[in-house]
Amino acid sequence: MRARLGEVVLAEAPEGDLVRIEGNWYFPPASVADGVLVESPTPYTCPWKGECQYYTVVADGRELADRAWAYPHPYPTAIERVGTDFSGYVAFWKEVEVGD
């Protein structure tokens, strides 16, 4: 699976390595290309997943604020609910095309 913004591949990993949560594909941290994510100061805490880290996506000549996110330290109950440890896995918002 690939996450793309225009012609730029932001992340790429086999589908079996991704985690699907609430309709979003989460990519393993090591699958994300260098330099395409910049930490955002936007705060958010999900009631069941925990504290979220937002990122600005920088690629294809664009900067899209808060269009990627991860849970660096999800709640243990969230890991149990999802069925796997998704710590640091990255998901992307709608402008980013995710697919084969």
PDB file of N, CA and C in Angstrom:
ATOM      1  N   MET A   1       0.852  -1.177   0.000  1.00  0.00           N
ATOM      2  CA  MET A   1       0.000   0.000   0.000  1.00  0.00           C
ATOM      3  C   MET A   1       0.892   1.233   0.000  1.00  0.00           C
ATOM      4  N   ARG A   2       0.385   2.267  -0.621  1.00  0.00           N
ATOM      5  CA  ARG A   2       1.116   3.537  -0.685  1.00  0.00           C
ATOM      6  C   ARG A   2       0.222   4.682  -0.247  1.00  0.00           C
ATOM      7  N   ALA A   3       0.841   5.658   0.389  1.00  0.00           N
ATOM      8  CA  ALA A   3       0.189   6.942   0.659  1.00  0.00           C
ATOM      9  C   ALA A   3       0.888   7.946  -0.241  1.00  0.00           C
ATOM     10  N   ARG A   4       0.106   8.628  -1.105  1.00  0.00           N
ATOM     11  CA  ARG A   4       0.679   9.561  -2.077  1.00  0.00           C
ATOM     12  C   ARG A   4       0.008  10.916  -2.016  1.00  0.00           C
ATOM     13  N   LEU A   5       0.831  11.926  -2.218  1.00  0.00           N
ATOM     14  CA  LEU A   5       0.336  13.278  -2.429  1.00  0.00           C
ATOM     15  C   LEU A   5       0.872  13.679  -3.788  1.00  0.00           C
ATOM     16  N   GLY A   6      -0.019  13.736  -4.767  1.00  0.00           N
ATOM     17  CA  GLY A   6       0.433  13.956  -6.136  1.00  0.00           C
ATOM     18  C   GLY A   6       1.307  12.792  -6.562  1.00  0.00           C
ATOM     19  N   GLU A   7       2.500  13.081  -7.022  1.00  0.00           N
ATOM     20  CA  GLU A   7       3.429  12.049  -7.473  1.00  0.00           C
ATOM     21  C   GLU A   7       4.386  11.579  -6.377  1.00  0.00           C
ATOM     22  N   VAL A   8       4.304  12.193  -5.195  1.00  0.00           N
ATOM     23  CA  VAL A   8       5.235  11.884  -4.114  1.00  0.00           C
ATOM     24  C   VAL A   8       4.672  10.768  -3.234  1.00  0.00           C
ATOM     25  N   VAL A   9       5.445   9.698  -3.060  1.00  0.00           N
ATOM     26  CA  VAL A   9       5.073   8.616  -2.157  1.00  0.00           C
ATOM     27  C   VAL A   9       5.502   9.013  -0.746  1.00  0.00           C
ATOM     28  N   LEU A  10       4.518   9.155   0.140  1.00  0.00           N
ATOM     29  CA  LEU A  10       4.776   9.561   1.520  1.00  0.00           C
ATOM     30  C   LEU A  10       5.108   8.370   2.403  1.00  0.00           C
ATOM     31  N   ALA A  11       4.464   7.246   2.125  1.00  0.00           N
ATOM     32  CA  ALA A  11       4.687   6.027   2.902  1.00  0.00           C
ATOM     33  C   ALA A  11       4.362   4.830   2.023  1.00  0.00           C
ATOM     34  N   GLU A  12       5.063   3.721   2.271  1.00  0.00           N
ATOM     35  CA  GLU A  12       4.826   2.513   1.489  1.00  0.00           C
ATOM     36  C   GLU A  12       5.161   1.293   2.330  1.00  0.00           C
ATOM     37  N   ALA A  13       4.214   0.345   2.383  1.00  0.00           N
ATOM     38  CA  ALA A  13       4.406  -0.887   3.140  1.00  0.00           C
ATOM     39  C   ALA A  13       3.403  -1.928   2.642  1.00  0.00           C
ATOM     40  N   PRO A  14       3.706  -3.204   2.843  1.00  0.00           N
ATOM     41  CA  PRO A  14       2.720  -4.232   2.501  1.00  0.00           C
ATOM     42  C   PRO A  14       1.453  -4.044   3.343  1.00  0.00           C
ATOM     43  N   GLU A  15       0.315  -4.324   2.763  1.00  0.00           N
ATOM     44  CA  GLU A  15      -0.950  -4.131   3.469  1.00  0.00           C
ATOM     45  C   GLU A  15      -0.970  -4.860   4.813  1.00  0.00           C
ATOM     46  N   GLY A  16      -0.348  -6.024   4.879  1.00  0.00           N
ATOM     47  CA  GLY A  16      -0.304  -6.794   6.121  1.00  0.00           C
ATOM     48  C   GLY A  16       0.448  -6.110   7.251  1.00  0.00           C
ATOM     49  N   ASP A  17       1.269  -5.118   6.922  1.00  0.00           N
ATOM     50  CA  ASP A  17       2.020  -4.372   7.936  1.00  0.00           C
ATOM     51  C   ASP A  17       1.251  -3.155   8.447  1.00  0.00           C
ATOM     52  N   LEU A  18       0.169  -2.785   7.759  1.00  0.00           N
ATOM     53  CA  LEU A  18      -0.622  -1.632   8.151  1.00  0.00           C
ATOM     54  C   LEU A  18      -1.672  -2.037   9.178  1.00  0.00           C
ATOM     55  N   VAL A  19      -2.203  -1.041   9.873  1.00  0.00           N
ATOM     56  CA  VAL A  19      -3.275  -1.259  10.836  1.00  0.00           C
ATOM     57  C   VAL A  19      -4.459  -0.392  10.409  1.00  0.00           C
ATOM     58  N   ARG A  20      -5.634  -0.976  10.389  1.00  0.00           N
ATOM     59  CA  ARG A  20      -6.850  -0.239  10.004  1.00  0.00           C
ATOM     60  C   ARG A  20      -7.623   0.100  11.276  1.00  0.00           C
ATOM     61  N   ILE A  21      -7.838   1.399  11.508  1.00  0.00           N
ATOM     62  CA  ILE A  21      -8.565   1.859  12.681  1.00  0.00           C
ATOM     63  C   ILE A  21      -9.579   2.903  12.224  1.00  0.00           C
ATOM     64  N   GLU A  22     -10.836   2.667  12.531  1.00  0.00           N
ATOM     65  CA  GLU A  22     -11.910   3.610  12.215  1.00  0.00           C
ATOM     66  C   GLU A  22     -11.870   4.087  10.764  1.00  0.00           C
ATOM     67  N   GLY A  23     -11.592   3.171   9.853  1.00  0.00           N
ATOM     68  CA  GLY A  23     -11.596   3.497   8.429  1.00  0.00           C
ATOM     69  C   GLY A  23     -10.319   4.105   7.900  1.00  0.00           C
ATOM     70  N   ASN A  24      -9.330   4.317   8.750  1.00  0.00           N
ATOM     71  CA  ASN A  24      -8.049   4.892   8.328  1.00  0.00           C
ATOM     72  C   ASN A  24      -6.956   3.836   8.343  1.00  0.00           C
ATOM     73  N   TRP A  25      -6.094   3.876   7.327  1.00  0.00           N
ATOM     74  CA  TRP A  25      -4.915   3.009   7.286  1.00  0.00           C
ATOM     75  C   TRP A  25      -3.776   3.691   8.029  1.00  0.00           C
ATOM     76  N   TYR A  26      -3.151   2.986   8.958  1.00  0.00           N
ATOM     77  CA  TYR A  26      -2.007   3.482   9.720  1.00  0.00           C
ATOM     78  C   TYR A  26      -0.757   2.751   9.242  1.00  0.00           C
ATOM     79  N   PHE A  27       0.231   3.529   8.800  1.00  0.00           N
ATOM     80  CA  PHE A  27       1.480   2.994   8.271  1.00  0.00           C
ATOM     81  C   PHE A  27       2.531   2.884   9.371  1.00  0.00           C
ATOM     82  N   PRO A  28       3.342   1.804   9.342  1.00  0.00           N
ATOM     83  CA  PRO A  28       4.425   1.696  10.320  1.00  0.00           C
ATOM     84  C   PRO A  28       5.369   2.892  10.197  1.00  0.00           C
ATOM     85  N   PRO A  29       5.926   3.357  11.312  1.00  0.00           N
ATOM     86  CA  PRO A  29       6.806   4.530  11.267  1.00  0.00           C
ATOM     87  C   PRO A  29       7.957   4.401  10.273  1.00  0.00           C
ATOM     88  N   ALA A  30       8.552   3.233  10.175  1.00  0.00           N
ATOM     89  CA  ALA A  30       9.702   3.030   9.281  1.00  0.00           C
ATOM     90  C   ALA A  30       9.317   3.103   7.808  1.00  0.00           C
ATOM     91  N   SER A  31       8.022   3.033   7.501  1.00  0.00           N
ATOM     92  CA  SER A  31       7.588   3.056   6.095  1.00  0.00           C
ATOM     93  C   SER A  31       7.374   4.472   5.570  1.00  0.00           C
ATOM     94  N   VAL A  32       7.455   5.461   6.451  1.00  0.00           N
ATOM     95  CA  VAL A  32       7.212   6.858   6.058  1.00  0.00           C
ATOM     96  C   VAL A  32       8.507   7.460   5.503  1.00  0.00           C
ATOM     97  N   ALA A  33       8.399   8.106   4.351  1.00  0.00           N
ATOM     98  CA  ALA A  33       9.565   8.716   3.694  1.00  0.00           C
ATOM     99  C   ALA A  33      10.149   9.834   4.567  1.00  0.00           C
ATOM    100  N   ASP A  34      11.456   9.980   4.497  1.00  0.00           N
ATOM    101  CA  ASP A  34      12.134  11.041   5.241  1.00  0.00           C
ATOM    102  C   ASP A  34      11.718  12.413   4.726  1.00  0.00           C
ATOM    103  N   GLY A  35      11.508  13.334   5.659  1.00  0.00           N
ATOM    104  CA  GLY A  35      11.287  14.727   5.304  1.00  0.00           C
ATOM    105  C   GLY A  35       9.891  15.115   4.879  1.00  0.00           C
ATOM    106  N   VAL A  36       8.930  14.177   4.884  1.00  0.00           N
ATOM    107  CA  VAL A  36       7.583  14.530   4.424  1.00  0.00           C
ATOM    108  C   VAL A  36       6.645  14.913   5.564  1.00  0.00           C
ATOM    109  N   LEU A  37       7.063  14.676   6.814  1.00  0.00           N
ATOM    110  CA  LEU A  37       6.236  15.022   7.963  1.00  0.00           C
ATOM    111  C   LEU A  37       6.978  15.968   8.892  1.00  0.00           C
ATOM    112  N   VAL A  38       6.298  17.021   9.306  1.00  0.00           N
ATOM    113  CA  VAL A  38       6.843  17.983  10.260  1.00  0.00           C
ATOM    114  C   VAL A  38       5.872  18.035  11.434  1.00  0.00           C
ATOM    115  N   GLU A  39       6.376  17.831  12.648  1.00  0.00           N
ATOM    116  CA  GLU A  39       5.511  17.841  13.827  1.00  0.00           C
ATOM    117  C   GLU A  39       4.732  19.144  13.925  1.00  0.00           C
ATOM    118  N   SER A  40       3.464  19.017  14.267  1.00  0.00           N
ATOM    119  CA  SER A  40       2.569  20.161  14.445  1.00  0.00           C
ATOM    120  C   SER A  40       2.333  20.376  15.943  1.00  0.00           C
ATOM    121  N   PRO A  41       2.116  21.621  16.355  1.00  0.00           N
ATOM    122  CA  PRO A  41       1.818  21.876  17.759  1.00  0.00           C
ATOM    123  C   PRO A  41       0.343  21.652  18.119  1.00  0.00           C
ATOM    124  N   THR A  42      -0.480  21.289  17.152  1.00  0.00           N
ATOM    125  CA  THR A  42      -1.909  21.120  17.403  1.00  0.00           C
ATOM    126  C   THR A  42      -2.154  20.013  18.424  1.00  0.00           C
ATOM    127  N   PRO A  43      -2.822  20.340  19.537  1.00  0.00           N
ATOM    128  CA  PRO A  43      -3.086  19.319  20.552  1.00  0.00           C
ATOM    129  C   PRO A  43      -4.384  18.567  20.289  1.00  0.00           C
ATOM    130  N   TYR A  44      -4.394  17.289  20.619  1.00  0.00           N
ATOM    131  CA  TYR A  44      -5.623  16.497  20.576  1.00  0.00           C
ATOM    132  C   TYR A  44      -5.397  15.228  21.390  1.00  0.00           C
ATOM    133  N   THR A  45      -6.401  14.854  22.139  1.00  0.00           N
ATOM    134  CA  THR A  45      -6.383  13.584  22.846  1.00  0.00           C
ATOM    135  C   THR A  45      -7.670  12.854  22.517  1.00  0.00           C
ATOM    136  N   CYS A  46      -7.529  11.683  21.927  1.00  0.00           N
ATOM    137  CA  CYS A  46      -8.673  10.832  21.616  1.00  0.00           C
ATOM    138  C   CYS A  46      -9.129  10.168  22.918  1.00  0.00           C
ATOM    139  N   PRO A  47     -10.437  10.121  23.159  1.00  0.00           N
ATOM    140  CA  PRO A  47     -10.911   9.531  24.401  1.00  0.00           C
ATOM    141  C   PRO A  47     -10.527   8.064  24.580  1.00  0.00           C
ATOM    142  N   TRP A  48     -10.362   7.327  23.478  1.00  0.00           N
ATOM    143  CA  TRP A  48     -10.031   5.916  23.654  1.00  0.00           C
ATOM    144  C   TRP A  48      -8.636   5.534  23.169  1.00  0.00           C
ATOM    145  N   LYS A  49      -8.015   6.342  22.278  1.00  0.00           N
ATOM    146  CA  LYS A  49      -6.667   6.003  21.792  1.00  0.00           C
ATOM    147  C   LYS A  49      -5.569   6.714  22.572  1.00  0.00           C
ATOM    148  N   GLY A  50      -5.835   7.921  23.067  1.00  0.00           N
ATOM    149  CA  GLY A  50      -4.829   8.650  23.831  1.00  0.00           C
ATOM    150  C   GLY A  50      -4.372   9.911  23.134  1.00  0.00           C
ATOM    151  N   GLU A  51      -3.199  10.407  23.549  1.00  0.00           N
ATOM    152  CA  GLU A  51      -2.661  11.660  23.019  1.00  0.00           C
ATOM    153  C   GLU A  51      -2.160  11.477  21.590  1.00  0.00           C
ATOM    154  N   CYS A  52      -2.583  12.388  20.740  1.00  0.00           N
ATOM    155  CA  CYS A  52      -2.273  12.341  19.312  1.00  0.00           C
ATOM    156  C   CYS A  52      -1.161  13.336  18.973  1.00  0.00           C
ATOM    157  N   GLN A  53      -0.318  12.958  18.026  1.00  0.00           N
ATOM    158  CA  GLN A  53       0.679  13.871  17.462  1.00  0.00           C
ATOM    159  C   GLN A  53       0.268  14.147  16.015  1.00  0.00           C
ATOM    160  N   TYR A  54      -0.054  15.399  15.729  1.00  0.00           N
ATOM    161  CA  TYR A  54      -0.359  15.779  14.350  1.00  0.00           C
ATOM    162  C   TYR A  54       0.923  16.167  13.617  1.00  0.00           C
ATOM    163  N   TYR A  55       0.862  16.069  12.281  1.00  0.00           N
ATOM    164  CA  TYR A  55       1.989  16.434  11.419  1.00  0.00           C
ATOM    165  C   TYR A  55       1.492  17.267  10.249  1.00  0.00           C
ATOM    166  N   THR A  56       2.331  18.177   9.795  1.00  0.00           N
ATOM    167  CA  THR A  56       2.128  18.857   8.522  1.00  0.00           C
ATOM    168  C   THR A  56       2.787  17.993   7.454  1.00  0.00           C
ATOM    169  N   VAL A  57       2.048  17.717   6.381  1.00  0.00           N
ATOM    170  CA  VAL A  57       2.579  16.950   5.256  1.00  0.00           C
ATOM    171  C   VAL A  57       3.236  17.930   4.301  1.00  0.00           C
ATOM    172  N   VAL A  58       4.517  17.691   3.989  1.00  0.00           N
ATOM    173  CA  VAL A  58       5.287  18.566   3.108  1.00  0.00           C
ATOM    174  C   VAL A  58       5.742  17.734   1.909  1.00  0.00           C
ATOM    175  N   ALA A  59       5.097  17.988   0.755  1.00  0.00           N
ATOM    176  CA  ALA A  59       5.438  17.216  -0.447  1.00  0.00           C
ATOM    177  C   ALA A  59       4.749  17.825  -1.651  1.00  0.00           C
ATOM    178  N   ASP A  60       5.280  17.535  -2.818  1.00  0.00           N
ATOM    179  CA  ASP A  60       4.676  17.956  -4.078  1.00  0.00           C
ATOM    180  C   ASP A  60       4.454  19.473  -4.102  1.00  0.00           C
ATOM    181  N   GLY A  61       5.374  20.226  -3.478  1.00  0.00           N
ATOM    182  CA  GLY A  61       5.293  21.673  -3.457  1.00  0.00           C
ATOM    183  C   GLY A  61       4.197  22.223  -2.557  1.00  0.00           C
ATOM    184  N   ARG A  62       3.679  21.385  -1.670  1.00  0.00           N
ATOM    185  CA  ARG A  62       2.577  21.800  -0.806  1.00  0.00           C
ATOM    186  C   ARG A  62       2.914  21.544   0.652  1.00  0.00           C
ATOM    187  N   GLU A  63       2.265  22.301   1.526  1.00  0.00           N
ATOM    188  CA  GLU A  63       2.327  22.069   2.966  1.00  0.00           C
ATOM    189  C   GLU A  63       0.891  21.970   3.461  1.00  0.00           C
ATOM    190  N   LEU A  64       0.514  20.807   3.933  1.00  0.00           N
ATOM    191  CA  LEU A  64      -0.842  20.571   4.402  1.00  0.00           C
ATOM    192  C   LEU A  64      -0.819  20.362   5.909  1.00  0.00           C
ATOM    193  N   ALA A  65      -1.252  21.370   6.652  1.00  0.00           N
ATOM    194  CA  ALA A  65      -1.197  21.328   8.115  1.00  0.00           C
ATOM    195  C   ALA A  65      -2.135  20.268   8.680  1.00  0.00           C
ATOM    196  N   ASP A  66      -1.618  19.517   9.622  1.00  0.00           N
ATOM    197  CA  ASP A  66      -2.409  18.546  10.402  1.00  0.00           C
ATOM    198  C   ASP A  66      -3.094  17.488   9.539  1.00  0.00           C
ATOM    199  N   ARG A  67      -2.477  17.104   8.434  1.00  0.00           N
ATOM    200  CA  ARG A  67      -3.075  16.104   7.545  1.00  0.00           C
ATOM    201  C   ARG A  67      -2.534  14.699   7.783  1.00  0.00           C
ATOM    202  N   ALA A  68      -1.665  14.549   8.774  1.00  0.00           N
ATOM    203  CA  ALA A  68      -1.197  13.224   9.183  1.00  0.00           C
ATOM    204  C   ALA A  68      -1.161  13.215  10.703  1.00  0.00           C
ATOM    205  N   TRP A  69      -1.300  12.027  11.285  1.00  0.00           N
ATOM    206  CA  TRP A  69      -1.293  11.934  12.740  1.00  0.00           C
ATOM    207  C   TRP A  69      -0.855  10.547  13.182  1.00  0.00           C
ATOM    208  N   ALA A  70      -0.445  10.480  14.435  1.00  0.00           N
ATOM    209  CA  ALA A  70      -0.024   9.220  15.039  1.00  0.00           C
ATOM    210  C   ALA A  70      -0.316   9.282  16.533  1.00  0.00           C
ATOM    211  N   TYR A  71      -0.293   8.130  17.136  1.00  0.00           N
ATOM    212  CA  TYR A  71      -0.421   8.008  18.591  1.00  0.00           C
ATOM    213  C   TYR A  71       0.877   7.407  19.102  1.00  0.00           C
ATOM    214  N   PRO A  72       1.825   8.256  19.531  1.00  0.00           N
ATOM    215  CA  PRO A  72       3.128   7.751  19.968  1.00  0.00           C
ATOM    216  C   PRO A  72       3.046   6.772  21.132  1.00  0.00           C
ATOM    217  N   HIS A  73       2.101   7.008  22.043  1.00  0.00           N
ATOM    218  CA  HIS A  73       1.948   6.156  23.229  1.00  0.00           C
ATOM    219  C   HIS A  73       0.465   5.913  23.482  1.00  0.00           C
ATOM    220  N   PRO A  74      -0.181   5.080  22.648  1.00  0.00           N
ATOM    221  CA  PRO A  74      -1.618   4.854  22.837  1.00  0.00           C
ATOM    222  C   PRO A  74      -1.896   4.187  24.185  1.00  0.00           C
ATOM    223  N   TYR A  75      -3.106   4.401  24.648  1.00  0.00           N
ATOM    224  CA  TYR A  75      -3.524   3.740  25.887  1.00  0.00           C
ATOM    225  C   TYR A  75      -3.427   2.219  25.731  1.00  0.00           C
ATOM    226  N   PRO A  76      -3.027   1.512  26.773  1.00  0.00           N
ATOM    227  CA  PRO A  76      -2.992   0.038  26.696  1.00  0.00           C
ATOM    228  C   PRO A  76      -4.345  -0.549  26.286  1.00  0.00           C
ATOM    229  N   THR A  77      -5.437   0.059  26.734  1.00  0.00           N
ATOM    230  CA  THR A  77      -6.760  -0.443  26.353  1.00  0.00           C
ATOM    231  C   THR A  77      -7.030  -0.255  24.858  1.00  0.00           C
ATOM    232  N   ALA A  78      -6.432   0.775  24.250  1.00  0.00           N
ATOM    233  CA  ALA A  78      -6.581   0.981  22.804  1.00  0.00           C
ATOM    234  C   ALA A  78      -5.846  -0.108  22.036  1.00  0.00           C
ATOM    235  N   ILE A  79      -4.652  -0.448  22.507  1.00  0.00           N
ATOM    236  CA  ILE A  79      -3.889  -1.524  21.861  1.00  0.00           C
ATOM    237  C   ILE A  79      -4.670  -2.829  21.952  1.00  0.00           C
ATOM    238  N   GLU A  80      -5.261  -3.087  23.110  1.00  0.00           N
ATOM    239  CA  GLU A  80      -6.088  -4.294  23.272  1.00  0.00           C
ATOM    240  C   GLU A  80      -7.286  -4.257  22.330  1.00  0.00           C
ATOM    241  N   ARG A  81      -7.934  -3.113  22.235  1.00  0.00           N
ATOM    242  CA  ARG A  81      -9.124  -2.972  21.386  1.00  0.00           C
ATOM    243  C   ARG A  81      -8.791  -3.184  19.914  1.00  0.00           C
ATOM    244  N   VAL A  82      -7.660  -2.610  19.464  1.00  0.00           N
ATOM    245  CA  VAL A  82      -7.252  -2.729  18.064  1.00  0.00           C
ATOM    246  C   VAL A  82      -6.688  -4.125  17.780  1.00  0.00           C
ATOM    247  N   GLY A  83      -6.080  -4.719  18.786  1.00  0.00           N
ATOM    248  CA  GLY A  83      -5.538  -6.065  18.630  1.00  0.00           C
ATOM    249  C   GLY A  83      -4.078  -6.106  18.262  1.00  0.00           C
ATOM    250  N   THR A  84      -3.443  -4.944  18.178  1.00  0.00           N
ATOM    251  CA  THR A  84      -2.015  -4.867  17.878  1.00  0.00           C
ATOM    252  C   THR A  84      -1.477  -3.520  18.367  1.00  0.00           C
ATOM    253  N   ASP A  85      -0.185  -3.476  18.608  1.00  0.00           N
ATOM    254  CA  ASP A  85       0.447  -2.236  19.057  1.00  0.00           C
ATOM    255  C   ASP A  85       0.648  -1.315  17.854  1.00  0.00           C
ATOM    256  N   PHE A  86      -0.038  -0.204  17.852  1.00  0.00           N
ATOM    257  CA  PHE A  86       0.049   0.758  16.746  1.00  0.00           C
ATOM    258  C   PHE A  86       0.797   2.027  17.157  1.00  0.00           C
ATOM    259  N   SER A  87       1.640   1.927  18.158  1.00  0.00           N
ATOM    260  CA  SER A  87       2.416   3.077  18.640  1.00  0.00           C
ATOM    261  C   SER A  87       3.233   3.688  17.510  1.00  0.00           C
ATOM    262  N   GLY A  88       3.027   4.981  17.267  1.00  0.00           N
ATOM    263  CA  GLY A  88       3.798   5.700  16.257  1.00  0.00           C
ATOM    264  C   GLY A  88       3.359   5.484  14.825  1.00  0.00           C
ATOM    265  N   TYR A  89       2.404   4.606  14.587  1.00  0.00           N
ATOM    266  CA  TYR A  89       1.922   4.386  13.224  1.00  0.00           C
ATOM    267  C   TYR A  89       1.240   5.660  12.729  1.00  0.00           C
ATOM    268  N   VAL A  90       1.378   5.952  11.436  1.00  0.00           N
ATOM    269  CA  VAL A  90       0.939   7.231  10.875  1.00  0.00           C
ATOM    270  C   VAL A  90      -0.237   7.039   9.918  1.00  0.00           C
ATOM    271  N   ALA A  91      -1.266   7.851  10.106  1.00  0.00           N
ATOM    272  CA  ALA A  91      -2.416   7.885   9.203  1.00  0.00           C
ATOM    273  C   ALA A  91      -2.449   9.237   8.503  1.00  0.00           C
ATOM    274  N   PHE A  92      -3.137   9.276   7.361  1.00  0.00           N
ATOM    275  CA  PHE A  92      -3.192  10.481   6.537  1.00  0.00           C
ATOM    276  C   PHE A  92      -4.638  10.873   6.262  1.00  0.00           C
ATOM    277  N   TRP A  93      -4.865  12.192   6.124  1.00  0.00           N
ATOM    278  CA  TRP A  93      -6.188  12.714   5.847  1.00  0.00           C
ATOM    279  C   TRP A  93      -6.500  12.629   4.359  1.00  0.00           C
ATOM    280  N   LYS A  94      -7.680  13.037   3.955  1.00  0.00           N
ATOM    281  CA  LYS A  94      -8.251  12.762   2.642  1.00  0.00           C
ATOM    282  C   LYS A  94      -7.482  13.263   1.428  1.00  0.00           C
ATOM    283  N   GLU A  95      -6.723  14.349   1.547  1.00  0.00           N
ATOM    284  CA  GLU A  95      -5.987  14.816   0.373  1.00  0.00           C
ATOM    285  C   GLU A  95      -4.907  13.836  -0.061  1.00  0.00           C
ATOM    286  N   VAL A  96      -4.514  12.979   0.866  1.00  0.00           N
ATOM    287  CA  VAL A  96      -3.488  11.967   0.583  1.00  0.00           C
ATOM    288  C   VAL A  96      -4.202  10.715   0.095  1.00  0.00           C
ATOM    289  N   GLU A  97      -3.805  10.249  -1.081  1.00  0.00           N
ATOM    290  CA  GLU A  97      -4.405   9.046  -1.668  1.00  0.00           C
ATOM    291  C   GLU A  97      -3.716   7.817  -1.067  1.00  0.00           C
ATOM    292  N   VAL A  98      -4.505   6.908  -0.517  1.00  0.00           N
ATOM    293  CA  VAL A  98      -3.973   5.670   0.047  1.00  0.00           C
ATOM    294  C   VAL A  98      -4.547   4.504  -0.746  1.00  0.00           C
ATOM    295  N   GLY A  99      -3.665   3.656  -1.256  1.00  0.00           N
ATOM    296  CA  GLY A  99      -4.104   2.494  -2.022  1.00  0.00           C
ATOM    297  C   GLY A  99      -2.916   1.730  -2.562  1.00  0.00           C
ATOM    298  N   ASP A 100      -3.235   0.779  -3.429  1.00  0.00           N
ATOM    299  CA  ASP A 100      -2.179  -0.060  -4.041  1.00  0.00           C
ATOM    300  C   ASP A 100      -1.396   0.693  -5.086  1.00  0.00           C
TER     301      ASP A 100
END
